[in-house]
C-alpha atoms as a PDB file:
ATOM      1  CA  MET A   1      22.976  25.014 -12.493  1.00  0.00           C
ATOM      2  CA  ILE A   2      22.885  22.153 -10.300  1.00  0.00           C
ATOM      3  CA  SER A   3      19.026  20.797 -10.087  1.00  0.00           C
ATOM      4  CA  ARG A   4      18.058  19.879  -6.162  1.00  0.00           C
ATOM      5  CA  ALA A   5      17.081  16.447  -5.532  1.00  0.00           C
ATOM      6  CA  PRO A   6      12.957  15.776  -5.430  1.00  0.00           C
ATOM      7  CA  ALA A   7      11.719  13.932  -1.913  1.00  0.00           C
ATOM      8  CA  ARG A   8      12.807  10.326  -1.748  1.00  0.00           C
ATOM      9  CA  GLY A   9      10.181   7.410  -1.292  1.00  0.00           C
ATOM     10  CA  LEU A  10      10.995   3.617  -0.947  1.00  0.00           C
ATOM     11  CA  THR A  11       9.117   0.985  -1.877  1.00  0.00           C
ATOM     12  CA  VAL A  12       9.100  -2.857  -0.499  1.00  0.00           C
ATOM     13  CA  ALA A  13       6.849  -4.695  -2.653  1.00  0.00           C
ATOM     14  CA  GLY A  14       6.776  -7.368  -5.280  1.00  0.00           C
ATOM     15  CA  SER A  15       6.843  -7.134  -8.727  1.00  0.00           C
ATOM     16  CA  ASP A  16       3.489  -6.921 -10.881  1.00  0.00           C
ATOM     17  CA  SER A  17       4.829  -8.147 -14.488  1.00  0.00           C
ATOM     18  CA  GLY A  18       1.143  -6.539 -15.593  1.00  0.00           C
ATOM     19  CA  GLY A  19       2.463  -2.733 -14.668  1.00  0.00           C
ATOM     20  CA  GLY A  20      -0.789  -2.363 -12.965  1.00  0.00           C
ATOM     21  CA  ALA A  21       0.152  -2.944  -8.942  1.00  0.00           C
ATOM     22  CA  GLY A  22       2.943  -3.968  -6.881  1.00  0.00           C
ATOM     23  CA  ILE A  23       6.514  -2.111  -7.375  1.00  0.00           C
ATOM     24  CA  GLN A  24       5.563  -0.826 -11.108  1.00  0.00           C
ATOM     25  CA  ALA A  25       2.144   0.863  -9.548  1.00  0.00           C
ATOM     26  CA  ASP A  26       4.368   2.219  -6.885  1.00  0.00           C
ATOM     27  CA  LEU A  27       6.993   3.544  -8.661  1.00  0.00           C
ATOM     28  CA  LYS A  28       4.706   4.939 -11.970  1.00  0.00           C
ATOM     29  CA  THR A  29       3.077   6.602  -8.295  1.00  0.00           C
ATOM     30  CA  MET A  30       5.769   8.290  -6.960  1.00  0.00           C
ATOM     31  CA  LEU A  31       7.211   9.263 -10.168  1.00  0.00           C
ATOM     32  CA  ALA A  32       3.219  11.044 -10.873  1.00  0.00           C
ATOM     33  CA  LEU A  33       3.443  13.236  -7.243  1.00  0.00           C
ATOM     34  CA  GLY A  34       7.509  14.353  -8.068  1.00  0.00           C
ATOM     35  CA  VAL A  35       8.843  11.905  -5.937  1.00  0.00           C
ATOM     36  CA  HIS A  36      12.096   9.951  -6.275  1.00  0.00           C
ATOM     37  CA  GLY A  37      10.587   6.357  -6.236  1.00  0.00           C
ATOM     38  CA  MET A  38      13.272   3.434  -4.837  1.00  0.00           C
ATOM     39  CA  SER A  39      12.607   0.134  -4.790  1.00  0.00           C
ATOM     40  CA  VAL A  40      13.275  -3.219  -2.691  1.00  0.00           C
ATOM     41  CA  LEU A  41      12.093  -5.866  -4.570  1.00  0.00           C
ATOM     42  CA  THR A  42      10.532  -8.807  -2.437  1.00  0.00           C
ATOM     43  CA  ALA A  43       8.973 -11.140  -5.067  1.00  0.00           C
ATOM     44  CA  VAL A  44       8.551 -11.871  -8.889  1.00  0.00           C
ATOM     45  CA  THR A  45       5.343 -12.512 -10.235  1.00  0.00           C
ATOM     46  CA  ALA A  46       3.995 -13.982 -13.298  1.00  0.00           C
ATOM     47  CA  GLN A  47       0.752 -11.818 -13.635  1.00  0.00           C
ATOM     48  CA  ASN A  48      -1.447 -10.561 -15.909  1.00  0.00           C
ATOM     49  CA  SER A  49      -5.204  -8.611 -16.176  1.00  0.00           C
ATOM     50  CA  LEU A  50      -6.791 -12.657 -15.507  1.00  0.00           C
ATOM     51  CA  GLY A  51      -5.069 -13.161 -12.436  1.00  0.00           C
ATOM     52  CA  VAL A  52      -1.893 -14.224 -10.936  1.00  0.00           C
ATOM     53  CA  ARG A  53       0.223 -17.177 -12.751  1.00  0.00           C
ATOM     54  CA  GLY A  54       2.926 -17.753 -10.177  1.00  0.00           C
ATOM     55  CA  VAL A  55       5.274 -16.223  -7.826  1.00  0.00           C
ATOM     56  CA  TRP A  56       8.735 -16.418  -7.125  1.00  0.00           C
ATOM     57  CA  GLU A  57      10.358 -15.340  -3.565  1.00  0.00           C
ATOM     58  CA  LEU A  58      14.003 -13.376  -3.565  1.00  0.00           C
ATOM     59  CA  PRO A  59      16.309 -14.543  -1.317  1.00  0.00           C
ATOM     60  CA  GLU A  60      16.386 -12.411   1.878  1.00  0.00           C
ATOM     61  CA  GLU A  61      19.947 -11.613   1.838  1.00  0.00           C
ATOM     62  CA  ALA A  62      19.093  -9.733  -2.184  1.00  0.00           C
ATOM     63  CA  VAL A  63      15.872  -8.080   0.330  1.00  0.00           C
ATOM     64  CA  ARG A  64      18.513  -7.181   3.187  1.00  0.00           C
ATOM     65  CA  ALA A  65      21.063  -5.927   0.198  1.00  0.00           C
ATOM     66  CA  GLN A  66      18.705  -3.697  -1.553  1.00  0.00           C
ATOM     67  CA  PHE A  67      17.334  -1.844   1.528  1.00  0.00           C
ATOM     68  CA  ARG A  68      20.656  -0.962   2.674  1.00  0.00           C
ATOM     69  CA  ALA A  69      22.014   0.124  -0.648  1.00  0.00           C
ATOM     70  CA  VAL A  70      19.613   2.324  -1.158  1.00  0.00           C
ATOM     71  CA  VAL A  71      19.035   3.395   3.248  1.00  0.00           C
ATOM     72  CA  ASP A  72      22.832   3.896   3.218  1.00  0.00           C
ATOM     73  CA  ASP A  73      23.766   5.872   0.534  1.00  0.00           C
ATOM     74  CA  ILE A  74      20.731   7.835  -1.235  1.00  0.00           C
ATOM     75  CA  GLY A  75      18.473   7.911   2.504  1.00  0.00           C
ATOM     76  CA  VAL A  76      14.544   7.860   2.170  1.00  0.00           C
ATOM     77  CA  GLN A  77      12.189  10.090   3.018  1.00  0.00           C
ATOM     78  CA  ALA A  78       9.239   7.696   3.282  1.00  0.00           C
ATOM     79  CA  VAL A  79       8.950   3.898   2.785  1.00  0.00           C
ATOM     80  CA  LYS A  80       5.916   1.844   1.387  1.00  0.00           C
ATOM     81  CA  THR A  81       5.668  -1.854   2.374  1.00  0.00           C
ATOM     82  CA  GLY A  82       3.281  -3.675  -0.372  1.00  0.00           C
ATOM     83  CA  MET A  83       3.488  -8.042  -0.914  1.00  0.00           C
ATOM     84  CA  LEU A  84       6.218  -9.774   1.430  1.00  0.00           C
ATOM     85  CA  SER A  85       4.870 -13.011   0.711  1.00  0.00           C
ATOM     86  CA  SER A  86       6.686 -15.467   3.259  1.00  0.00           C
ATOM     87  CA  ALA A  87       7.399 -15.301   7.014  1.00  0.00           C
ATOM     88  CA  GLU A  88      11.090 -14.568   6.492  1.00  0.00           C
ATOM     89  CA  LEU A  89      10.979 -11.809   4.284  1.00  0.00           C
ATOM     90  CA  ALA A  90       8.314 -10.120   6.393  1.00  0.00           C
ATOM     91  CA  ALA A  91      10.457 -10.616   9.702  1.00  0.00           C
ATOM     92  CA  ALA A  92      13.580  -9.591   8.061  1.00  0.00           C
ATOM     93  CA  VAL A  93      11.766  -6.164   6.637  1.00  0.00           C
ATOM     94  CA  ALA A  94      10.176  -5.445  10.224  1.00  0.00           C
ATOM     95  CA  GLU A  95      13.756  -5.812  11.465  1.00  0.00           C
ATOM     96  CA  LEU A  96      15.104  -3.390   8.513  1.00  0.00           C
ATOM     97  CA  LEU A  97      12.005  -0.695   9.291  1.00  0.00           C
ATOM     98  CA  THR A  98      12.751  -0.895  13.129  1.00  0.00           C
ATOM     99  CA  GLY A  99      14.181   2.645  14.480  1.00  0.00           C
ATOM    100  CA  LEU A 100      14.400   4.031  10.858  1.00  0.00           C
ATOM    101  CA  ASP A 101      13.963   7.506  11.169  1.00  0.00           C
ATOM    102  CA  ALA A 102      11.162   7.794   8.371  1.00  0.00           C
ATOM    103  CA  PRO A 103       7.405   7.219   8.086  1.00  0.00           C
ATOM    104  CA  VAL A 104       6.841   4.205   6.884  1.00  0.00           C
ATOM    105  CA  VAL A 105       3.407   3.119   5.281  1.00  0.00           C
ATOM    106  CA  VAL A 106       2.561  -0.541   5.724  1.00  0.00           C
ATOM    107  CA  ASP A 107      -0.020  -1.655   3.190  1.00  0.00           C
ATOM    108  CA  PRO A 108      -0.392  -5.449   4.661  1.00  0.00           C
ATOM    109  CA  VAL A 109      -1.057  -6.877   1.270  1.00  0.00           C
ATOM    110  CA  GLY A 110      -2.892 -10.426   1.796  1.00  0.00           C
ATOM    111  CA  VAL A 111      -4.625 -11.520  -1.784  1.00  0.00           C
ATOM    112  CA  SER A 112      -4.692  -9.873  -5.119  1.00  0.00           C
ATOM    113  CA  LYS A 113      -7.357  -7.991  -6.902  1.00  0.00           C
ATOM    114  CA  HIS A 114      -8.855 -11.754  -8.691  1.00  0.00           C
ATOM    115  CA  GLY A 115      -8.481 -13.091  -4.756  1.00  0.00           C
ATOM    116  CA  ASP A 116      -4.677 -14.812  -5.660  1.00  0.00           C
ATOM    117  CA  ALA A 117      -3.302 -15.273  -2.312  1.00  0.00           C
ATOM    118  CA  LEU A 118      -0.174 -13.066  -1.680  1.00  0.00           C
ATOM    119  CA  LEU A 119       0.500 -13.825   1.661  1.00  0.00           C
ATOM    120  CA  ALA A 120       1.616 -16.906   3.432  1.00  0.00           C
ATOM    121  CA  ALA A 121      -0.797 -18.148   6.186  1.00  0.00           C
ATOM    122  CA  ARG A 122       2.042 -18.481   8.559  1.00  0.00           C
ATOM    123  CA  ALA A 123       3.615 -14.831   7.561  1.00  0.00           C
ATOM    124  CA  VAL A 124       0.319 -13.003   8.762  1.00  0.00           C
ATOM    125  CA  GLU A 125       1.513 -13.446  12.680  1.00  0.00           C
ATOM    126  CA  VAL A 126       4.604 -11.854  11.796  1.00  0.00           C
ATOM    127  CA  VAL A 127       2.966  -8.812  10.257  1.00  0.00           C
ATOM    128  CA  ARG A 128       0.705  -8.301  13.263  1.00  0.00           C
ATOM    129  CA  THR A 129       3.298  -8.534  15.663  1.00  0.00           C
ATOM    130  CA  ARG A 130       6.811  -7.444  14.220  1.00  0.00           C
ATOM    131  CA  LEU A 131       5.792  -5.547  11.220  1.00  0.00           C
ATOM    132  CA  LEU A 132       2.695  -2.802  12.080  1.00  0.00           C
ATOM    133  CA  PRO A 133       4.773  -1.550  15.140  1.00  0.00           C
ATOM    134  CA  THR A 134       6.538  -0.282  12.821  1.00  0.00           C
ATOM    135  CA  ALA A 135       4.335   1.485  10.892  1.00  0.00           C
ATOM    136  CA  THR A 136       3.603   5.253  10.748  1.00  0.00           C
ATOM    137  CA  VAL A 137       0.076   4.004   8.874  1.00  0.00           C
ATOM    138  CA  ALA A 138      -1.607   0.543   8.173  1.00  0.00           C
ATOM    139  CA  THR A 139      -3.746   0.804   5.272  1.00  0.00           C
ATOM    140  CA  PRO A 140      -5.912  -2.664   5.422  1.00  0.00           C
ATOM    141  CA  ASN A 141      -8.660  -3.100   3.115  1.00  0.00           C
ATOM    142  CA  LEU A 142     -11.671  -4.551   5.146  1.00  0.00           C
ATOM    143  CA  ASP A 143     -10.737  -8.115   3.784  1.00  0.00           C
ATOM    144  CA  GLU A 144      -7.294  -7.807   5.215  1.00  0.00           C
ATOM    145  CA  VAL A 145      -8.928  -6.489   8.554  1.00  0.00           C
ATOM    146  CA  THR A 146     -10.225  -9.659   8.814  1.00  0.00           C
ATOM    147  CA  GLN A 147      -7.257 -11.764   8.137  1.00  0.00           C
ATOM    148  CA  LEU A 148      -5.289  -9.564  10.555  1.00  0.00           C
ATOM    149  CA  THR A 149      -7.861  -9.283  13.201  1.00  0.00           C
ATOM    150  CA  GLY A 150     -10.781 -11.746  12.658  1.00  0.00           C
ATOM    151  CA  VAL A 151     -13.083  -8.200  12.691  1.00  0.00           C
ATOM    152  CA  VAL A 152     -15.820  -8.768  10.071  1.00  0.00           C
ATOM    153  CA  VAL A 153     -17.085  -5.275   8.789  1.00  0.00           C
ATOM    154  CA  THR A 154     -20.420  -4.982   7.247  1.00  0.00           C
ATOM    155  CA  ASP A 155     -20.997  -1.381   7.404  1.00  0.00           C
ATOM    156  CA  GLU A 156     -19.195   2.042   8.342  1.00  0.00           C
ATOM    157  CA  GLU A 157     -19.740   2.195  11.992  1.00  0.00           C
ATOM    158  CA  GLY A 158     -17.990  -1.652  11.800  1.00  0.00           C
ATOM    159  CA  MET A 159     -15.035   0.438  10.688  1.00  0.00           C
ATOM    160  CA  ARG A 160     -14.502   2.103  13.986  1.00  0.00           C
ATOM    161  CA  ALA A 161     -13.940  -1.529  15.482  1.00  0.00           C
ATOM    162  CA  ALA A 162     -11.801  -2.357  12.626  1.00  0.00           C
ATOM    163  CA  ALA A 163      -9.319   0.729  13.550  1.00  0.00           C
ATOM    164  CA  ARG A 164      -9.056  -0.302  17.040  1.00  0.00           C
ATOM    165  CA  ALA A 165      -8.070  -4.280  16.265  1.00  0.00           C
ATOM    166  CA  VAL A 166      -5.668  -2.754  13.701  1.00  0.00           C
ATOM    167  CA  LEU A 167      -4.228  -0.020  16.536  1.00  0.00           C
ATOM    168  CA  SER A 168      -4.079  -2.549  19.024  1.00  0.00           C
ATOM    169  CA  TYR A 169      -0.827  -3.889  17.385  1.00  0.00           C
ATOM    170  CA  GLY A 170       1.122  -0.615  17.402  1.00  0.00           C
ATOM    171  CA  PRO A 171       0.710   1.257  14.080  1.00  0.00           C
ATOM    172  CA  ARG A 172       0.571   4.910  14.963  1.00  0.00           C
ATOM    173  CA  TRP A 173      -2.437   5.365  12.493  1.00  0.00           C
ATOM    174  CA  ALA A 174      -4.689   3.284  11.133  1.00  0.00           C
ATOM    175  CA  LEU A 175      -6.763   3.342   7.662  1.00  0.00           C
ATOM    176  CA  ILE A 176      -9.183   1.440   7.420  1.00  0.00           C
ATOM    177  CA  LYS A 177     -10.276   1.359   3.347  1.00  0.00           C
ATOM    178  CA  GLY A 178     -13.870   0.650   2.982  1.00  0.00           C
ATOM    179  CA  GLY A 179     -14.080   0.105  -0.579  1.00  0.00           C
ATOM    180  CA  HIS A 180     -15.191  -3.831  -0.039  1.00  0.00           C
ATOM    181  CA  LEU A 181     -18.543  -2.277   1.393  1.00  0.00           C
ATOM    182  CA  GLY A 182     -19.913  -2.731  -1.972  1.00  0.00           C
ATOM    183  CA  ALA A 183     -22.656  -0.849  -3.777  1.00  0.00           C
ATOM    184  CA  GLY A 184     -24.818   1.904  -2.050  1.00  0.00           C
ATOM    185  CA  HIS A 185     -21.704   3.059  -0.450  1.00  0.00           C
ATOM    186  CA  ASP A 186     -19.792   5.813  -0.919  1.00  0.00           C
ATOM    187  CA  ALA A 187     -15.945   5.099  -1.425  1.00  0.00           C
ATOM    188  CA  VAL A 188     -15.466   5.495   2.300  1.00  0.00           C
ATOM    189  CA  ASP A 189     -11.960   5.110   4.067  1.00  0.00           C
ATOM    190  CA  LEU A 190     -11.589   6.028   7.984  1.00  0.00           C
ATOM    191  CA  LEU A 191      -8.405   7.430   9.158  1.00  0.00           C
ATOM    192  CA  SER A 192      -7.779   7.013  13.239  1.00  0.00           C
ATOM    193  CA  ASP A 193      -5.044   7.278  15.589  1.00  0.00           C
ATOM    194  CA  GLY A 194      -7.346   5.984  18.289  1.00  0.00           C
ATOM    195  CA  THR A 195      -8.469   9.328  19.585  1.00  0.00           C
ATOM    196  CA  ARG A 196      -8.957  11.444  16.358  1.00  0.00           C
ATOM    197  CA  GLU A 197     -10.859  10.278  13.455  1.00  0.00           C
ATOM    198  CA  HIS A 198     -10.955  11.333   9.918  1.00  0.00           C
ATOM    199  CA  TRP A 199     -13.475  10.533   7.656  1.00  0.00           C
ATOM    200  CA  TYR A 200     -12.652  10.480   3.858  1.00  0.00           C
ATOM    201  CA  ARG A 201     -15.671   9.801   1.111  1.00  0.00           C
ATOM    202  CA  ALA A 202     -15.804   9.830  -2.707  1.00  0.00           C
ATOM    203  CA  PRO A 203     -18.227   9.168  -4.752  1.00  0.00           C
ATOM    204  CA  ARG A 204     -18.204   5.332  -5.945  1.00  0.00           C
ATOM    205  CA  LEU A 205     -17.354   4.930  -9.592  1.00  0.00           C
ATOM    206  CA  PRO A 206     -18.770   2.749 -11.934  1.00  0.00           C
ATOM    207  CA  GLY A 207     -15.730   1.500 -13.612  1.00  0.00           C
ATOM    208  CA  ALA A 208     -14.366  -2.330 -13.559  1.00  0.00           C
ATOM    209  CA  HIS A 209     -10.753  -1.456 -14.173  1.00  0.00           C
ATOM    210  CA  THR A 210      -9.664  -1.022 -10.684  1.00  0.00           C
ATOM    211  CA  HIS A 211      -6.543  -3.152 -10.432  1.00  0.00           C
ATOM    212  CA  GLY A 212      -3.867  -1.523  -8.116  1.00  0.00           C
ATOM    213  CA  THR A 213      -5.886   0.628  -6.080  1.00  0.00           C
ATOM    214  CA  GLY A 214      -4.206  -0.403  -3.008  1.00  0.00           C
ATOM    215  CA  CYS A 215      -0.669  -0.006  -3.614  1.00  0.00           C
ATOM    216  CA  THR A 216      -0.997   3.238  -5.603  1.00  0.00           C
ATOM    217  CA  LEU A 217      -3.001   4.602  -2.339  1.00  0.00           C
ATOM    218  CA  ALA A 218      -0.391   3.743  -0.364  1.00  0.00           C
ATOM    219  CA  SER A 219       2.471   4.471  -2.378  1.00  0.00           C
ATOM    220  CA  ALA A 220       0.419   7.921  -2.691  1.00  0.00           C
ATOM    221  CA  VAL A 221       0.134   8.089   1.089  1.00  0.00           C
ATOM    222  CA  ALA A 222       3.671   7.763   1.583  1.00  0.00           C
ATOM    223  CA  SER A 223       4.953  10.052  -1.124  1.00  0.00           C
ATOM    224  CA  TYR A 224       2.784  12.879   0.079  1.00  0.00           C
ATOM    225  CA  LEU A 225       4.325  12.237   3.670  1.00  0.00           C
ATOM    226  CA  ALA A 226       7.876  12.636   1.916  1.00  0.00           C
ATOM    227  CA  LEU A 227       6.853  15.484   0.777  1.00  0.00           C
ATOM    228  CA  GLY A 228       6.370  17.041   3.936  1.00  0.00           C
ATOM    229  CA  HIS A 229       2.519  16.599   4.775  1.00  0.00           C
ATOM    230  CA  GLU A 230       1.036  15.632   8.159  1.00  0.00           C
ATOM    231  CA  VAL A 231      -0.628  12.587   8.070  1.00  0.00           C
ATOM    232  CA  PRO A 232      -4.062  13.795   7.347  1.00  0.00           C
ATOM    233  CA  GLU A 233      -3.558  15.633   4.729  1.00  0.00           C
ATOM    234  CA  ALA A 234      -1.517  13.776   3.308  1.00  0.00           C
ATOM    235  CA  VAL A 235      -4.090  10.721   3.165  1.00  0.00           C
ATOM    236  CA  GLY A 236      -6.810  13.238   2.019  1.00  0.00           C
ATOM    237  CA  LEU A 237      -3.989  14.062  -0.918  1.00  0.00           C
ATOM    238  CA  ALA A 238      -3.429  10.562  -1.529  1.00  0.00           C
ATOM    239  CA  LYS A 239      -7.588   9.998  -1.573  1.00  0.00           C
ATOM    240  CA  THR A 240      -8.329  12.531  -4.265  1.00  0.00           C
ATOM    241  CA  TYR A 241      -5.162  10.853  -6.482  1.00  0.00           C
ATOM    242  CA  VAL A 242      -6.588   7.886  -6.527  1.00  0.00           C
ATOM    243  CA  SER A 243     -10.117   8.434  -6.929  1.00  0.00           C
ATOM    244  CA  GLY A 244      -8.948  10.465 -10.121  1.00  0.00           C
ATOM    245  CA  ALA A 245      -6.633   7.294 -11.278  1.00  0.00           C
ATOM    246  CA  ILE A 246      -9.966   4.938 -10.804  1.00  0.00           C
ATOM    247  CA  ALA A 247     -11.989   7.256 -13.063  1.00  0.00           C
ATOM    248  CA  ALA A 248      -9.655   7.395 -15.276  1.00  0.00           C
ATOM    249  CA  GLY A 249      -8.651   3.503 -15.171  1.00  0.00           C
ATOM    250  CA  PHE A 250      -8.810   1.955 -18.789  1.00  0.00           C
ATOM    251  CA  PRO A 251      -9.031  -1.692 -20.022  1.00  0.00           C
ATOM    252  CA  LEU A 252      -5.793  -4.083 -20.636  1.00  0.00           C
ATOM    253  CA  GLY A 253      -6.179  -7.564 -21.703  1.00  0.00           C
ATOM    254  CA  ALA A 254      -9.010  -9.535 -21.189  1.00  0.00           C
ATOM    255  CA  GLY A 255      -9.859  -9.317 -17.170  1.00  0.00           C
ATOM    256  CA  ILE A 256      -9.511  -6.050 -15.183  1.00  0.00           C
ATOM    257  CA  GLY A 257      -7.671  -2.978 -16.219  1.00  0.00           C
ATOM    258  CA  PRO A 258      -5.382  -1.003 -14.223  1.00  0.00           C
ATOM    259  CA  VAL A 259      -6.058   2.657 -13.198  1.00  0.00           C
ATOM    260  CA  ASP A 260      -4.587   4.807 -14.612  1.00  0.00           C
ATOM    261  CA  HIS A 261      -1.299   6.731 -12.674  1.00  0.00           C
ATOM    262  CA  GLY A 262      -0.496   9.290 -15.037  1.00  0.00           C
ATOM    263  CA  TRP A 263      -4.315  10.928 -15.484  1.00  0.00           C
ATOM    264  CA  ARG A 264      -3.030  14.422 -14.304  1.00  0.00           C
ATOM    265  CA  SER A 265      -1.081  14.846 -17.194  1.00  0.00           C
ATOM    266  CA  ARG A 266      -3.559  13.196 -19.916  1.00  0.00           C
END
C-alpha cells in the first residue's frame, strides 16, 4: 500500500541548540500537528535555558540553496520565517518568498526570551519594507511591534493601533500577540486585516517555562494553513495548541524551560 504524503511546511529560521525555540521548536510543532516539516537554516546559535552564548550566520548562498532544494523538488504548502539575523539574509529570504504560491507566516524575531538580540539593527528596515509585504500573516509580539513601527502598546486598545501600523507595511493579516501586557491581563491576541478583527483569549498561565512560545505559535499557524484552514481558524487552532504547550511547559537547565510541543501525546 502506498502512503499518501502529509501536508508540507517549511521553516526558515535559526537553530536553538537547547531545543526549545527556533528550527527545533518549529519542526516539533509541525510534527505534532501532522505536517511534514522541512527547514532552511539561517544561523546557528549556542543557546541554553540561560541565554544565547553565540550566533553564527550561514552564508547567503547556503540559505538560497536550501530553499531552492526544498521548494523546487518537494514543494511547500506553507512557509514560516523566524530568526533571519542580518539585513543580507532578510533580503535574500524576502526575494525567495516573493511570488511563492503558498501562505507565508512571518515571525519578525528581534530578541530572544532572555533579551538577546537576534536581528541586526540595520536588518529591521529590510524586514519592514521587503519581508512583511510577502506575509500572509505577520506575528509580532509587543516588543517587536515597537521595534518595527515605534508603536508602544500598554493596553488592549493599543493593540488595534499596533495592527494598523504593522499592516501598513503590507502583510495581509497582522496577529498582534499581547502576552507582554503582563499580569492582570488574559493572554490575548488580536488578528486583523484592516477591516476584520478576531480576538483570541486564554487564561494567563502561571508557569515560568515559556521558552519558544513565539516560534511555536507561528509554526502552528503555518501548519494549520498548510492543512487547508483559513487564517482566522488557523490562528484559533494554533492558539489552543500553544496554550496547551505552555500549560505543560517543563523545567530544563537552570533557567527558562521550554513549552511542551508534544503535550497532546502525553
